[in-house]
């Protein structure tokens, strides 16, 4: 099947580059549909460009919209973290006030220090 070892290496390099391109393409597409400020027409034009001239359009997208892409990704991660924290608090069943009261009881019993109590208060209120 392979004439030489170098043919295999060459195919492996191209397969790697193709996978990298697909990852970049999916990042661009997810960023396009995450961006609420961009109109539907612009989104459609970017998608058409990705279909007709995929490499050039991907390169232009990263050049012109790369910084915004990073900001939108950071916002999405922050929102997901906030939602996860809210879910964990909901499942845990304690309100911030209850958490602080419990920490105060532990502090009065000498189980935790002043610094740990302050940390628990900040976390409960934050």
PDB file of N, CA and C in Angstrom:
ATOM      1  N   UNK A   1       0.832  -1.192   0.000  1.00  0.00           N
ATOM      2  CA  UNK A   1       0.000   0.000   0.000  1.00  0.00           C
ATOM      3  C   UNK A   1       0.873   1.251   0.000  1.00  0.00           C
ATOM      4  N   UNK A   2       1.816   1.327   0.923  1.00  0.00           N
ATOM      5  CA  UNK A   2       2.714   2.479   0.976  1.00  0.00           C
ATOM      6  C   UNK A   2       3.992   2.119   0.231  1.00  0.00           C
ATOM      7  N   UNK A   3       4.387   2.975  -0.705  1.00  0.00           N
ATOM      8  CA  UNK A   3       5.610   2.705  -1.454  1.00  0.00           C
ATOM      9  C   UNK A   3       6.842   2.879  -0.582  1.00  0.00           C
ATOM     10  N   UNK A   4       6.762   3.844   0.301  1.00  0.00           N
ATOM     11  CA  UNK A   4       7.898   4.051   1.193  1.00  0.00           C
ATOM     12  C   UNK A   4       7.401   4.636   2.508  1.00  0.00           C
ATOM     13  N   UNK A   5       8.307   4.693   3.429  1.00  0.00           N
ATOM     14  CA  UNK A   5       7.976   5.253   4.735  1.00  0.00           C
ATOM     15  C   UNK A   5       7.630   6.729   4.613  1.00  0.00           C
ATOM     16  N   UNK A   6       8.255   7.426   3.682  1.00  0.00           N
ATOM     17  CA  UNK A   6       7.997   8.856   3.514  1.00  0.00           C
ATOM     18  C   UNK A   6       6.587   9.123   3.001  1.00  0.00           C
ATOM     19  N   UNK A   7       6.028   8.222   2.226  1.00  0.00           N
ATOM     20  CA  UNK A   7       4.630   8.371   1.795  1.00  0.00           C
ATOM     21  C   UNK A   7       3.705   8.362   3.008  1.00  0.00           C
ATOM     22  N   UNK A   8       3.985   7.465   3.936  1.00  0.00           N
ATOM     23  CA  UNK A   8       3.175   7.400   5.153  1.00  0.00           C
ATOM     24  C   UNK A   8       3.301   8.691   5.954  1.00  0.00           C
ATOM     25  N   UNK A   9       4.520   9.197   6.101  1.00  0.00           N
ATOM     26  CA  UNK A   9       4.744  10.447   6.837  1.00  0.00           C
ATOM     27  C   UNK A   9       4.005  11.593   6.154  1.00  0.00           C
ATOM     28  N   UNK A  10       4.091  11.642   4.837  1.00  0.00           N
ATOM     29  CA  UNK A  10       3.430  12.706   4.081  1.00  0.00           C
ATOM     30  C   UNK A  10       1.908  12.673   4.299  1.00  0.00           C
ATOM     31  N   UNK A  11       1.315  11.493   4.242  1.00  0.00           N
ATOM     32  CA  UNK A  11      -0.125  11.345   4.475  1.00  0.00           C
ATOM     33  C   UNK A  11      -0.474  11.729   5.907  1.00  0.00           C
ATOM     34  N   UNK A  12       0.366  11.363   6.856  1.00  0.00           N
ATOM     35  CA  UNK A  12       0.104  11.708   8.257  1.00  0.00           C
ATOM     36  C   UNK A  12       0.143  13.218   8.466  1.00  0.00           C
ATOM     37  N   UNK A  13       1.088  13.885   7.825  1.00  0.00           N
ATOM     38  CA  UNK A  13       1.176  15.350   7.949  1.00  0.00           C
ATOM     39  C   UNK A  13      -0.068  16.002   7.361  1.00  0.00           C
ATOM     40  N   UNK A  14      -0.477  15.562   6.178  1.00  0.00           N
ATOM     41  CA  UNK A  14      -1.672  16.146   5.561  1.00  0.00           C
ATOM     42  C   UNK A  14      -2.937  15.844   6.377  1.00  0.00           C
ATOM     43  N   UNK A  15      -3.014  14.660   6.955  1.00  0.00           N
ATOM     44  CA  UNK A  15      -4.167  14.329   7.801  1.00  0.00           C
ATOM     45  C   UNK A  15      -4.201  15.228   9.027  1.00  0.00           C
ATOM     46  N   UNK A  16      -3.036  15.458   9.617  1.00  0.00           N
ATOM     47  CA  UNK A  16      -2.953  16.359  10.769  1.00  0.00           C
ATOM     48  C   UNK A  16      -3.395  17.773  10.396  1.00  0.00           C
ATOM     49  N   UNK A  17      -2.891  18.276   9.277  1.00  0.00           N
ATOM     50  CA  UNK A  17      -3.267  19.632   8.837  1.00  0.00           C
ATOM     51  C   UNK A  17      -4.760  19.730   8.535  1.00  0.00           C
ATOM     52  N   UNK A  18      -5.333  18.658   7.974  1.00  0.00           N
ATOM     53  CA  UNK A  18      -6.769  18.663   7.695  1.00  0.00           C
ATOM     54  C   UNK A  18      -7.578  18.700   8.984  1.00  0.00           C
ATOM     55  N   UNK A  19      -7.156  17.947   9.977  1.00  0.00           N
ATOM     56  CA  UNK A  19      -7.855  17.955  11.268  1.00  0.00           C
ATOM     57  C   UNK A  19      -7.736  19.321  11.933  1.00  0.00           C
ATOM     58  N   UNK A  20      -6.557  19.934  11.858  1.00  0.00           N
ATOM     59  CA  UNK A  20      -6.379  21.283  12.402  1.00  0.00           C
ATOM     60  C   UNK A  20      -7.315  22.263  11.696  1.00  0.00           C
ATOM     61  N   UNK A  21      -7.403  22.152  10.370  1.00  0.00           N
ATOM     62  CA  UNK A  21      -8.306  23.030   9.619  1.00  0.00           C
ATOM     63  C   UNK A  21      -9.755  22.832  10.059  1.00  0.00           C
ATOM     64  N   UNK A  22     -10.166  21.580  10.246  1.00  0.00           N
ATOM     65  CA  UNK A  22     -11.549  21.330  10.678  1.00  0.00           C
ATOM     66  C   UNK A  22     -11.822  21.933  12.052  1.00  0.00           C
ATOM     67  N   UNK A  23     -10.860  21.837  12.950  1.00  0.00           N
ATOM     68  CA  UNK A  23     -11.028  22.427  14.277  1.00  0.00           C
ATOM     69  C   UNK A  23     -11.189  23.941  14.160  1.00  0.00           C
ATOM     70  N   UNK A  24     -10.342  24.568  13.343  1.00  0.00           N
ATOM     71  CA  UNK A  24     -10.441  26.016  13.144  1.00  0.00           C
ATOM     72  C   UNK A  24     -11.780  26.370  12.519  1.00  0.00           C
ATOM     73  N   UNK A  25     -12.215  25.585  11.531  1.00  0.00           N
ATOM     74  CA  UNK A  25     -13.492  25.833  10.870  1.00  0.00           C
ATOM     75  C   UNK A  25     -14.650  25.767  11.863  1.00  0.00           C
ATOM     76  N   UNK A  26     -14.660  24.760  12.723  1.00  0.00           N
ATOM     77  CA  UNK A  26     -15.747  24.645  13.697  1.00  0.00           C
ATOM     78  C   UNK A  26     -15.679  25.756  14.744  1.00  0.00           C
ATOM     79  N   UNK A  27     -14.478  26.191  15.102  1.00  0.00           N
ATOM     80  CA  UNK A  27     -14.349  27.327  16.018  1.00  0.00           C
ATOM     81  C   UNK A  27     -14.933  28.584  15.384  1.00  0.00           C
ATOM     82  N   UNK A  28     -14.648  28.798  14.106  1.00  0.00           N
ATOM     83  CA  UNK A  28     -15.174  29.971  13.407  1.00  0.00           C
ATOM     84  C   UNK A  28     -16.691  29.895  13.322  1.00  0.00           C
ATOM     85  N   UNK A  29     -17.220  28.750  12.953  1.00  0.00           N
ATOM     86  CA  UNK A  29     -18.676  28.619  12.844  1.00  0.00           C
ATOM     87  C   UNK A  29     -19.364  28.814  14.190  1.00  0.00           C
ATOM     88  N   UNK A  30     -18.801  28.243  15.250  1.00  0.00           N
ATOM     89  CA  UNK A  30     -19.424  28.434  16.560  1.00  0.00           C
ATOM     90  C   UNK A  30     -19.324  29.893  16.995  1.00  0.00           C
ATOM     91  N   UNK A  31     -18.228  30.558  16.666  1.00  0.00           N
ATOM     92  CA  UNK A  31     -18.090  31.972  16.998  1.00  0.00           C
ATOM     93  C   UNK A  31     -19.076  32.820  16.210  1.00  0.00           C
ATOM     94  N   UNK A  32     -19.271  32.486  14.950  1.00  0.00           N
ATOM     95  CA  UNK A  32     -20.230  33.238  14.129  1.00  0.00           C
ATOM     96  C   UNK A  32     -21.622  33.215  14.747  1.00  0.00           C
ATOM     97  N   UNK A  33     -22.055  32.052  15.172  1.00  0.00           N
ATOM     98  CA  UNK A  33     -23.415  31.939  15.691  1.00  0.00           C
ATOM     99  C   UNK A  33     -23.516  32.335  17.161  1.00  0.00           C
ATOM    100  N   UNK A  34     -22.387  32.513  17.829  1.00  0.00           N
ATOM    101  CA  UNK A  34     -22.378  33.006  19.200  1.00  0.00           C
ATOM    102  C   UNK A  34     -22.459  34.527  19.229  1.00  0.00           C
ATOM    103  N   UNK A  35     -21.988  35.182  18.181  1.00  0.00           N
ATOM    104  CA  UNK A  35     -21.918  36.641  18.127  1.00  0.00           C
ATOM    105  C   UNK A  35     -23.309  37.222  17.899  1.00  0.00           C
ATOM    106  N   UNK A  36     -23.824  37.914  18.894  1.00  0.00           N
ATOM    107  CA  UNK A  36     -25.166  38.493  18.797  1.00  0.00           C
ATOM    108  C   UNK A  36     -25.165  39.854  18.125  1.00  0.00           C
ATOM    109  N   UNK A  37     -23.992  40.465  17.998  1.00  0.00           N
ATOM    110  CA  UNK A  37     -23.909  41.793  17.384  1.00  0.00           C
ATOM    111  C   UNK A  37     -23.867  41.720  15.861  1.00  0.00           C
ATOM    112  N   UNK A  38     -23.460  40.595  15.311  1.00  0.00           N
ATOM    113  CA  UNK A  38     -23.341  40.430  13.870  1.00  0.00           C
ATOM    114  C   UNK A  38     -24.700  40.041  13.293  1.00  0.00           C
ATOM    115  N   UNK A  39     -25.102  40.727  12.223  1.00  0.00           N
ATOM    116  CA  UNK A  39     -26.415  40.446  11.642  1.00  0.00           C
ATOM    117  C   UNK A  39     -26.404  39.103  10.912  1.00  0.00           C
ATOM    118  N   UNK A  40     -27.593  38.626  10.634  1.00  0.00           N
ATOM    119  CA  UNK A  40     -27.729  37.350   9.944  1.00  0.00           C
ATOM    120  C   UNK A  40     -27.141  37.373   8.547  1.00  0.00           C
ATOM    121  N   UNK A  41     -27.232  38.507   7.878  1.00  0.00           N
ATOM    122  CA  UNK A  41     -26.684  38.615   6.528  1.00  0.00           C
ATOM    123  C   UNK A  41     -25.169  38.472   6.537  1.00  0.00           C
ATOM    124  N   UNK A  42     -24.515  39.105   7.503  1.00  0.00           N
ATOM    125  CA  UNK A  42     -23.057  38.978   7.596  1.00  0.00           C
ATOM    126  C   UNK A  42     -22.665  37.553   7.931  1.00  0.00           C
ATOM    127  N   UNK A  43     -23.438  36.930   8.808  1.00  0.00           N
ATOM    128  CA  UNK A  43     -23.157  35.532   9.141  1.00  0.00           C
ATOM    129  C   UNK A  43     -23.277  34.660   7.896  1.00  0.00           C
ATOM    130  N   UNK A  44     -24.325  34.898   7.107  1.00  0.00           N
ATOM    131  CA  UNK A  44     -24.519  34.125   5.880  1.00  0.00           C
ATOM    132  C   UNK A  44     -23.365  34.354   4.903  1.00  0.00           C
ATOM    133  N   UNK A  45     -22.907  35.592   4.780  1.00  0.00           N
ATOM    134  CA  UNK A  45     -21.786  35.879   3.880  1.00  0.00           C
ATOM    135  C   UNK A  45     -20.508  35.171   4.336  1.00  0.00           C
ATOM    136  N   UNK A  46     -20.251  35.167   5.638  1.00  0.00           N
ATOM    137  CA  UNK A  46     -19.069  34.464   6.141  1.00  0.00           C
ATOM    138  C   UNK A  46     -19.177  32.968   5.850  1.00  0.00           C
ATOM    139  N   UNK A  47     -20.345  32.382   6.053  1.00  0.00           N
ATOM    140  CA  UNK A  47     -20.527  30.952   5.801  1.00  0.00           C
ATOM    141  C   UNK A  47     -20.354  30.650   4.317  1.00  0.00           C
ATOM    142  N   UNK A  48     -20.932  31.481   3.456  1.00  0.00           N
ATOM    143  CA  UNK A  48     -20.765  31.286   2.005  1.00  0.00           C
ATOM    144  C   UNK A  48     -19.282  31.388   1.640  1.00  0.00           C
ATOM    145  N   UNK A  49     -18.595  32.365   2.220  1.00  0.00           N
ATOM    146  CA  UNK A  49     -17.163  32.495   1.973  1.00  0.00           C
ATOM    147  C   UNK A  49     -16.392  31.261   2.428  1.00  0.00           C
ATOM    148  N   UNK A  50     -16.790  30.689   3.583  1.00  0.00           N
ATOM    149  CA  UNK A  50     -16.123  29.478   4.076  1.00  0.00           C
ATOM    150  C   UNK A  50     -16.356  28.285   3.156  1.00  0.00           C
ATOM    151  N   UNK A  51     -17.484  28.280   2.446  1.00  0.00           N
ATOM    152  CA  UNK A  51     -17.765  27.182   1.527  1.00  0.00           C
ATOM    153  C   UNK A  51     -17.019  27.371   0.207  1.00  0.00           C
ATOM    154  N   UNK A  52     -17.025  28.610  -0.316  1.00  0.00           N
ATOM    155  CA  UNK A  52     -16.424  28.858  -1.635  1.00  0.00           C
ATOM    156  C   UNK A  52     -14.895  28.963  -1.555  1.00  0.00           C
ATOM    157  N   UNK A  53     -14.386  29.782  -0.639  1.00  0.00           N
ATOM    158  CA  UNK A  53     -12.944  29.973  -0.468  1.00  0.00           C
ATOM    159  C   UNK A  53     -12.571  29.652   0.986  1.00  0.00           C
ATOM    160  N   UNK A  54     -12.542  28.386   1.358  1.00  0.00           N
ATOM    161  CA  UNK A  54     -12.420  28.038   2.776  1.00  0.00           C
ATOM    162  C   UNK A  54     -11.155  28.542   3.463  1.00  0.00           C
ATOM    163  N   UNK A  55      -9.988  28.346   2.857  1.00  0.00           N
ATOM    164  CA  UNK A  55      -8.747  28.726   3.528  1.00  0.00           C
ATOM    165  C   UNK A  55      -8.595  30.237   3.621  1.00  0.00           C
ATOM    166  N   UNK A  56      -8.884  30.929   2.535  1.00  0.00           N
ATOM    167  CA  UNK A  56      -8.770  32.388   2.521  1.00  0.00           C
ATOM    168  C   UNK A  56      -9.759  33.023   3.495  1.00  0.00           C
ATOM    169  N   UNK A  57     -10.997  32.542   3.483  1.00  0.00           N
ATOM    170  CA  UNK A  57     -12.014  33.094   4.376  1.00  0.00           C
ATOM    171  C   UNK A  57     -11.673  32.829   5.836  1.00  0.00           C
ATOM    172  N   UNK A  58     -11.187  31.635   6.135  1.00  0.00           N
ATOM    173  CA  UNK A  58     -10.801  31.315   7.519  1.00  0.00           C
ATOM    174  C   UNK A  58      -9.659  32.221   7.967  1.00  0.00           C
ATOM    175  N   UNK A  59      -8.696  32.434   7.096  1.00  0.00           N
ATOM    176  CA  UNK A  59      -7.578  33.310   7.425  1.00  0.00           C
ATOM    177  C   UNK A  59      -8.051  34.746   7.643  1.00  0.00           C
ATOM    178  N   UNK A  60      -8.920  35.236   6.763  1.00  0.00           N
ATOM    179  CA  UNK A  60      -9.444  36.597   6.917  1.00  0.00           C
ATOM    180  C   UNK A  60     -10.278  36.736   8.189  1.00  0.00           C
ATOM    181  N   UNK A  61     -11.062  35.710   8.502  1.00  0.00           N
ATOM    182  CA  UNK A  61     -11.881  35.757   9.710  1.00  0.00           C
ATOM    183  C   UNK A  61     -10.997  35.869  10.947  1.00  0.00           C
ATOM    184  N   UNK A  62      -9.952  35.076  10.991  1.00  0.00           N
ATOM    185  CA  UNK A  62      -9.054  35.112  12.149  1.00  0.00           C
ATOM    186  C   UNK A  62      -8.338  36.451  12.229  1.00  0.00           C
ATOM    187  N   UNK A  63      -7.954  37.012  11.084  1.00  0.00           N
ATOM    188  CA  UNK A  63      -7.263  38.302  11.083  1.00  0.00           C
ATOM    189  C   UNK A  63      -8.188  39.413  11.564  1.00  0.00           C
ATOM    190  N   UNK A  64      -9.391  39.489  10.998  1.00  0.00           N
ATOM    191  CA  UNK A  64     -10.277  40.616  11.283  1.00  0.00           C
ATOM    192  C   UNK A  64     -11.136  40.443  12.528  1.00  0.00           C
ATOM    193  N   UNK A  65     -11.452  39.228  12.886  1.00  0.00           N
ATOM    194  CA  UNK A  65     -12.366  39.013  14.012  1.00  0.00           C
ATOM    195  C   UNK A  65     -11.758  38.163  15.120  1.00  0.00           C
ATOM    196  N   UNK A  66     -10.454  37.928  15.080  1.00  0.00           N
ATOM    197  CA  UNK A  66      -9.790  37.064  16.047  1.00  0.00           C
ATOM    198  C   UNK A  66      -9.872  37.567  17.477  1.00  0.00           C
ATOM    199  N   UNK A  67      -9.680  38.880  17.663  1.00  0.00           N
ATOM    200  CA  UNK A  67      -9.736  39.436  19.023  1.00  0.00           C
ATOM    201  C   UNK A  67     -11.134  39.286  19.604  1.00  0.00           C
ATOM    202  N   UNK A  68     -12.141  39.624  18.818  1.00  0.00           N
ATOM    203  CA  UNK A  68     -13.523  39.455  19.276  1.00  0.00           C
ATOM    204  C   UNK A  68     -13.857  38.004  19.533  1.00  0.00           C
ATOM    205  N   UNK A  69     -13.254  37.131  18.753  1.00  0.00           N
ATOM    206  CA  UNK A  69     -13.460  35.699  18.927  1.00  0.00           C
ATOM    207  C   UNK A  69     -12.984  35.261  20.312  1.00  0.00           C
ATOM    208  N   UNK A  70     -11.835  35.763  20.717  1.00  0.00           N
ATOM    209  CA  UNK A  70     -11.293  35.428  22.036  1.00  0.00           C
ATOM    210  C   UNK A  70     -12.182  35.977  23.146  1.00  0.00           C
ATOM    211  N   UNK A  71     -12.689  37.192  22.971  1.00  0.00           N
ATOM    212  CA  UNK A  71     -13.559  37.789  23.993  1.00  0.00           C
ATOM    213  C   UNK A  71     -14.867  37.011  24.120  1.00  0.00           C
ATOM    214  N   UNK A  72     -15.452  36.642  22.982  1.00  0.00           N
ATOM    215  CA  UNK A  72     -16.712  35.890  23.043  1.00  0.00           C
ATOM    216  C   UNK A  72     -16.503  34.516  23.670  1.00  0.00           C
ATOM    217  N   UNK A  73     -15.375  33.892  23.397  1.00  0.00           N
ATOM    218  CA  UNK A  73     -15.075  32.595  24.013  1.00  0.00           C
ATOM    219  C   UNK A  73     -14.918  32.748  25.527  1.00  0.00           C
ATOM    220  N   UNK A  74     -14.220  33.801  25.951  1.00  0.00           N
ATOM    221  CA  UNK A  74     -14.037  34.043  27.388  1.00  0.00           C
ATOM    222  C   UNK A  74     -15.382  34.314  28.062  1.00  0.00           C
ATOM    223  N   UNK A  75     -16.245  35.080  27.405  1.00  0.00           N
ATOM    224  CA  UNK A  75     -17.579  35.352  27.962  1.00  0.00           C
ATOM    225  C   UNK A  75     -18.384  34.060  28.082  1.00  0.00           C
ATOM    226  N   UNK A  76     -18.300  33.194  27.077  1.00  0.00           N
ATOM    227  CA  UNK A  76     -19.037  31.932  27.122  1.00  0.00           C
ATOM    228  C   UNK A  76     -18.541  31.045  28.261  1.00  0.00           C
ATOM    229  N   UNK A  77     -17.235  31.015  28.465  1.00  0.00           N
ATOM    230  CA  UNK A  77     -16.667  30.220  29.556  1.00  0.00           C
ATOM    231  C   UNK A  77     -17.105  30.791  30.898  1.00  0.00           C
ATOM    232  N   UNK A  78     -17.075  32.117  31.016  1.00  0.00           N
ATOM    233  CA  UNK A  78     -17.486  32.758  32.271  1.00  0.00           C
ATOM    234  C   UNK A  78     -18.954  32.499  32.561  1.00  0.00           C
ATOM    235  N   UNK A  79     -19.795  32.580  31.529  1.00  0.00           N
ATOM    236  CA  UNK A  79     -21.225  32.330  31.709  1.00  0.00           C
ATOM    237  C   UNK A  79     -21.457  30.872  32.118  1.00  0.00           C
ATOM    238  N   UNK A  80     -20.744  29.950  31.495  1.00  0.00           N
ATOM    239  CA  UNK A  80     -20.895  28.536  31.852  1.00  0.00           C
ATOM    240  C   UNK A  80     -20.461  28.295  33.293  1.00  0.00           C
ATOM    241  N   UNK A  81     -19.393  28.961  33.722  1.00  0.00           N
ATOM    242  CA  UNK A  81     -18.925  28.813  35.109  1.00  0.00           C
ATOM    243  C   UNK A  81     -19.947  29.363  36.086  1.00  0.00           C
ATOM    244  N   UNK A  82     -20.528  30.514  35.754  1.00  0.00           N
ATOM    245  CA  UNK A  82     -21.546  31.115  36.614  1.00  0.00           C
ATOM    246  C   UNK A  82     -22.758  30.195  36.740  1.00  0.00           C
ATOM    247  N   UNK A  83     -23.198  29.643  35.614  1.00  0.00           N
ATOM    248  CA  UNK A  83     -24.339  28.730  35.640  1.00  0.00           C
ATOM    249  C   UNK A  83     -24.014  27.470  36.437  1.00  0.00           C
ATOM    250  N   UNK A  84     -22.808  26.963  36.301  1.00  0.00           N
ATOM    251  CA  UNK A  84     -22.412  25.777  37.069  1.00  0.00           C
ATOM    252  C   UNK A  84     -22.392  26.083  38.561  1.00  0.00           C
ATOM    253  N   UNK A  85     -21.858  27.261  38.925  1.00  0.00           N
ATOM    254  CA  UNK A  85     -21.831  27.651  40.336  1.00  0.00           C
ATOM    255  C   UNK A  85     -23.241  27.781  40.904  1.00  0.00           C
ATOM    256  N   UNK A  86     -24.147  28.380  40.134  1.00  0.00           N
ATOM    257  CA  UNK A  86     -25.532  28.515  40.587  1.00  0.00           C
ATOM    258  C   UNK A  86     -26.174  27.144  40.764  1.00  0.00           C
ATOM    259  N   UNK A  87     -25.908  26.249  39.828  1.00  0.00           N
ATOM    260  CA  UNK A  87     -26.466  24.905  39.925  1.00  0.00           C
ATOM    261  C   UNK A  87     -25.933  24.171  41.148  1.00  0.00           C
ATOM    262  N   UNK A  88     -24.650  24.307  41.391  1.00  0.00           N
ATOM    263  CA  UNK A  88     -24.051  23.638  42.553  1.00  0.00           C
ATOM    264  C   UNK A  88     -24.644  24.186  43.844  1.00  0.00           C
ATOM    265  N   UNK A  89     -24.820  25.504  43.916  1.00  0.00           N
ATOM    266  CA  UNK A  89     -25.437  26.086  45.119  1.00  0.00           C
ATOM    267  C   UNK A  89     -26.868  25.602  45.288  1.00  0.00           C
ATOM    268  N   UNK A  90     -27.583  25.491  44.169  1.00  0.00           N
ATOM    269  CA  UNK A  90     -28.965  25.028  44.234  1.00  0.00           C
ATOM    270  C   UNK A  90     -29.017  23.579  44.707  1.00  0.00           C
ATOM    271  N   UNK A  91     -28.155  22.749  44.191  1.00  0.00           N
ATOM    272  CA  UNK A  91     -28.136  21.336  44.556  1.00  0.00           C
ATOM    273  C   UNK A  91     -27.647  21.161  45.991  1.00  0.00           C
ATOM    274  N   UNK A  92     -26.690  21.985  46.392  1.00  0.00           N
ATOM    275  CA  UNK A  92     -26.161  21.886  47.751  1.00  0.00           C
ATOM    276  C   UNK A  92     -27.242  22.198  48.784  1.00  0.00           C
ATOM    277  N   UNK A  93     -28.202  23.022  48.423  1.00  0.00           N
ATOM    278  CA  UNK A  93     -29.342  23.281  49.296  1.00  0.00           C
ATOM    279  C   UNK A  93     -29.127  24.345  50.350  1.00  0.00           C
ATOM    280  N   UNK A  94     -27.986  24.971  50.374  1.00  0.00           N
ATOM    281  CA  UNK A  94     -27.740  26.022  51.356  1.00  0.00           C
ATOM    282  C   UNK A  94     -27.705  27.371  50.670  1.00  0.00           C
ATOM    283  N   UNK A  95     -28.337  28.329  51.299  1.00  0.00           N
ATOM    284  CA  UNK A  95     -28.251  29.696  50.808  1.00  0.00           C
ATOM    285  C   UNK A  95     -26.945  30.305  51.304  1.00  0.00           C
ATOM    286  N   UNK A  96     -26.517  31.429  50.723  1.00  0.00           N
ATOM    287  CA  UNK A  96     -25.303  32.076  51.225  1.00  0.00           C
ATOM    288  C   UNK A  96     -25.376  32.404  52.719  1.00  0.00           C
ATOM    289  N   UNK A  97     -26.544  32.824  53.176  1.00  0.00           N
ATOM    290  CA  UNK A  97     -26.699  33.144  54.600  1.00  0.00           C
ATOM    291  C   UNK A  97     -26.514  31.891  55.463  1.00  0.00           C
ATOM    292  N   UNK A  98     -27.064  30.772  55.024  1.00  0.00           N
ATOM    293  CA  UNK A  98     -26.909  29.526  55.765  1.00  0.00           C
ATOM    294  C   UNK A  98     -25.450  29.072  55.774  1.00  0.00           C
ATOM    295  N   UNK A  99     -24.764  29.266  54.650  1.00  0.00           N
ATOM    296  CA  UNK A  99     -23.355  28.884  54.559  1.00  0.00           C
ATOM    297  C   UNK A  99     -22.514  29.721  55.521  1.00  0.00           C
ATOM    298  N   UNK A 100     -22.800  31.028  55.582  1.00  0.00           N
ATOM    299  CA  UNK A 100     -22.066  31.906  56.493  1.00  0.00           C
ATOM    300  C   UNK A 100     -22.361  31.539  57.940  1.00  0.00           C
ATOM    301  N   UNK A 101     -23.623  31.244  58.243  1.00  0.00           N
ATOM    302  CA  UNK A 101     -24.001  30.861  59.606  1.00  0.00           C
ATOM    303  C   UNK A 101     -23.281  29.573  60.016  1.00  0.00           C
ATOM    304  N   UNK A 102     -23.217  28.620  59.114  1.00  0.00           N
ATOM    305  CA  UNK A 102     -22.529  27.366  59.405  1.00  0.00           C
ATOM    306  C   UNK A 102     -21.033  27.613  59.636  1.00  0.00           C
ATOM    307  N   UNK A 103     -20.449  28.475  58.804  1.00  0.00           N
ATOM    308  CA  UNK A 103     -19.032  28.798  58.968  1.00  0.00           C
ATOM    309  C   UNK A 103     -18.791  29.501  60.292  1.00  0.00           C
ATOM    310  N   UNK A 104     -19.709  30.389  60.707  1.00  0.00           N
ATOM    311  CA  UNK A 104     -19.587  31.097  61.988  1.00  0.00           C
ATOM    312  C   UNK A 104     -19.635  30.101  63.144  1.00  0.00           C
ATOM    313  N   UNK A 105     -20.513  29.107  63.048  1.00  0.00           N
ATOM    314  CA  UNK A 105     -20.592  28.078  64.082  1.00  0.00           C
ATOM    315  C   UNK A 105     -19.281  27.290  64.167  1.00  0.00           C
ATOM    316  N   UNK A 106     -18.712  26.968  63.008  1.00  0.00           N
ATOM    317  CA  UNK A 106     -17.430  26.269  62.996  1.00  0.00           C
ATOM    318  C   UNK A 106     -16.326  27.142  63.592  1.00  0.00           C
ATOM    319  N   UNK A 107     -16.382  28.440  63.293  1.00  0.00           N
ATOM    320  CA  UNK A 107     -15.386  29.375  63.824  1.00  0.00           C
ATOM    321  C   UNK A 107     -15.506  29.481  65.344  1.00  0.00           C
ATOM    322  N   UNK A 108     -16.756  29.593  65.836  1.00  0.00           N
ATOM    323  CA  UNK A 108     -16.976  29.692  67.281  1.00  0.00           C
ATOM    324  C   UNK A 108     -16.527  28.418  68.005  1.00  0.00           C
ATOM    325  N   UNK A 109     -16.623  27.287  67.323  1.00  0.00           N
ATOM    326  CA  UNK A 109     -16.196  26.022  67.914  1.00  0.00           C
ATOM    327  C   UNK A 109     -14.680  25.835  67.812  1.00  0.00           C
ATOM    328  N   UNK A 110     -14.016  26.729  67.084  1.00  0.00           N
ATOM    329  CA  UNK A 110     -12.567  26.656  66.958  1.00  0.00           C
ATOM    330  C   UNK A 110     -12.082  25.719  65.864  1.00  0.00           C
ATOM    331  N   UNK A 111     -12.982  25.314  64.990  1.00  0.00           N
ATOM    332  CA  UNK A 111     -12.615  24.380  63.925  1.00  0.00           C
ATOM    333  C   UNK A 111     -11.898  25.099  62.779  1.00  0.00           C
ATOM    334  N   UNK A 112     -12.343  26.339  62.469  1.00  0.00           N
ATOM    335  CA  UNK A 112     -11.707  27.089  61.389  1.00  0.00           C
ATOM    336  C   UNK A 112     -11.165  28.405  61.931  1.00  0.00           C
ATOM    337  N   UNK A 113     -10.194  28.965  61.231  1.00  0.00           N
ATOM    338  CA  UNK A 113      -9.551  30.211  61.664  1.00  0.00           C
ATOM    339  C   UNK A 113     -10.312  31.425  61.140  1.00  0.00           C
ATOM    340  N   UNK A 114      -9.860  32.612  61.570  1.00  0.00           N
ATOM    341  CA  UNK A 114     -10.464  33.858  61.102  1.00  0.00           C
ATOM    342  C   UNK A 114     -10.311  33.995  59.587  1.00  0.00           C
ATOM    343  N   UNK A 115      -9.148  33.634  59.070  1.00  0.00           N
ATOM    344  CA  UNK A 115      -8.899  33.751  57.626  1.00  0.00           C
ATOM    345  C   UNK A 115      -9.823  32.819  56.844  1.00  0.00           C
ATOM    346  N   UNK A 116     -10.021  31.615  57.355  1.00  0.00           N
ATOM    347  CA  UNK A 116     -10.908  30.671  56.669  1.00  0.00           C
ATOM    348  C   UNK A 116     -12.355  31.149  56.723  1.00  0.00           C
ATOM    349  N   UNK A 117     -12.758  31.748  57.841  1.00  0.00           N
ATOM    350  CA  UNK A 117     -14.107  32.297  57.936  1.00  0.00           C
ATOM    351  C   UNK A 117     -14.297  33.417  56.926  1.00  0.00           C
ATOM    352  N   UNK A 118     -13.320  34.300  56.808  1.00  0.00           N
ATOM    353  CA  UNK A 118     -13.415  35.398  55.841  1.00  0.00           C
ATOM    354  C   UNK A 118     -13.478  34.864  54.425  1.00  0.00           C
ATOM    355  N   UNK A 119     -12.721  33.826  54.161  1.00  0.00           N
ATOM    356  CA  UNK A 119     -12.717  33.228  52.817  1.00  0.00           C
ATOM    357  C   UNK A 119     -14.073  32.606  52.484  1.00  0.00           C
ATOM    358  N   UNK A 120     -14.659  31.928  53.454  1.00  0.00           N
ATOM    359  CA  UNK A 120     -15.968  31.310  53.250  1.00  0.00           C
ATOM    360  C   UNK A 120     -17.025  32.392  53.045  1.00  0.00           C
ATOM    361  N   UNK A 121     -16.961  33.479  53.794  1.00  0.00           N
ATOM    362  CA  UNK A 121     -17.906  34.586  53.624  1.00  0.00           C
ATOM    363  C   UNK A 121     -17.788  35.176  52.224  1.00  0.00           C
ATOM    364  N   UNK A 122     -16.557  35.426  51.804  1.00  0.00           N
ATOM    365  CA  UNK A 122     -16.349  36.010  50.471  1.00  0.00           C
ATOM    366  C   UNK A 122     -16.870  35.085  49.377  1.00  0.00           C
ATOM    367  N   UNK A 123     -16.643  33.789  49.539  1.00  0.00           N
ATOM    368  CA  UNK A 123     -17.109  32.828  48.537  1.00  0.00           C
ATOM    369  C   UNK A 123     -18.628  32.737  48.522  1.00  0.00           C
ATOM    370  N   UNK A 124     -19.242  32.767  49.696  1.00  0.00           N
ATOM    371  CA  UNK A 124     -20.691  32.673  49.777  1.00  0.00           C
ATOM    372  C   UNK A 124     -21.368  33.898  49.189  1.00  0.00           C
ATOM    373  N   UNK A 125     -20.758  35.057  49.379  1.00  0.00           N
ATOM    374  CA  UNK A 125     -21.348  36.297  48.887  1.00  0.00           C
ATOM    375  C   UNK A 125     -20.968  36.579  47.440  1.00  0.00           C
ATOM    376  N   UNK A 126     -19.921  35.953  46.953  1.00  0.00           N
ATOM    377  CA  UNK A 126     -19.421  36.223  45.601  1.00  0.00           C
ATOM    378  C   UNK A 126     -20.059  35.379  44.615  1.00  0.00           C
TER     379      UNK A 126
END
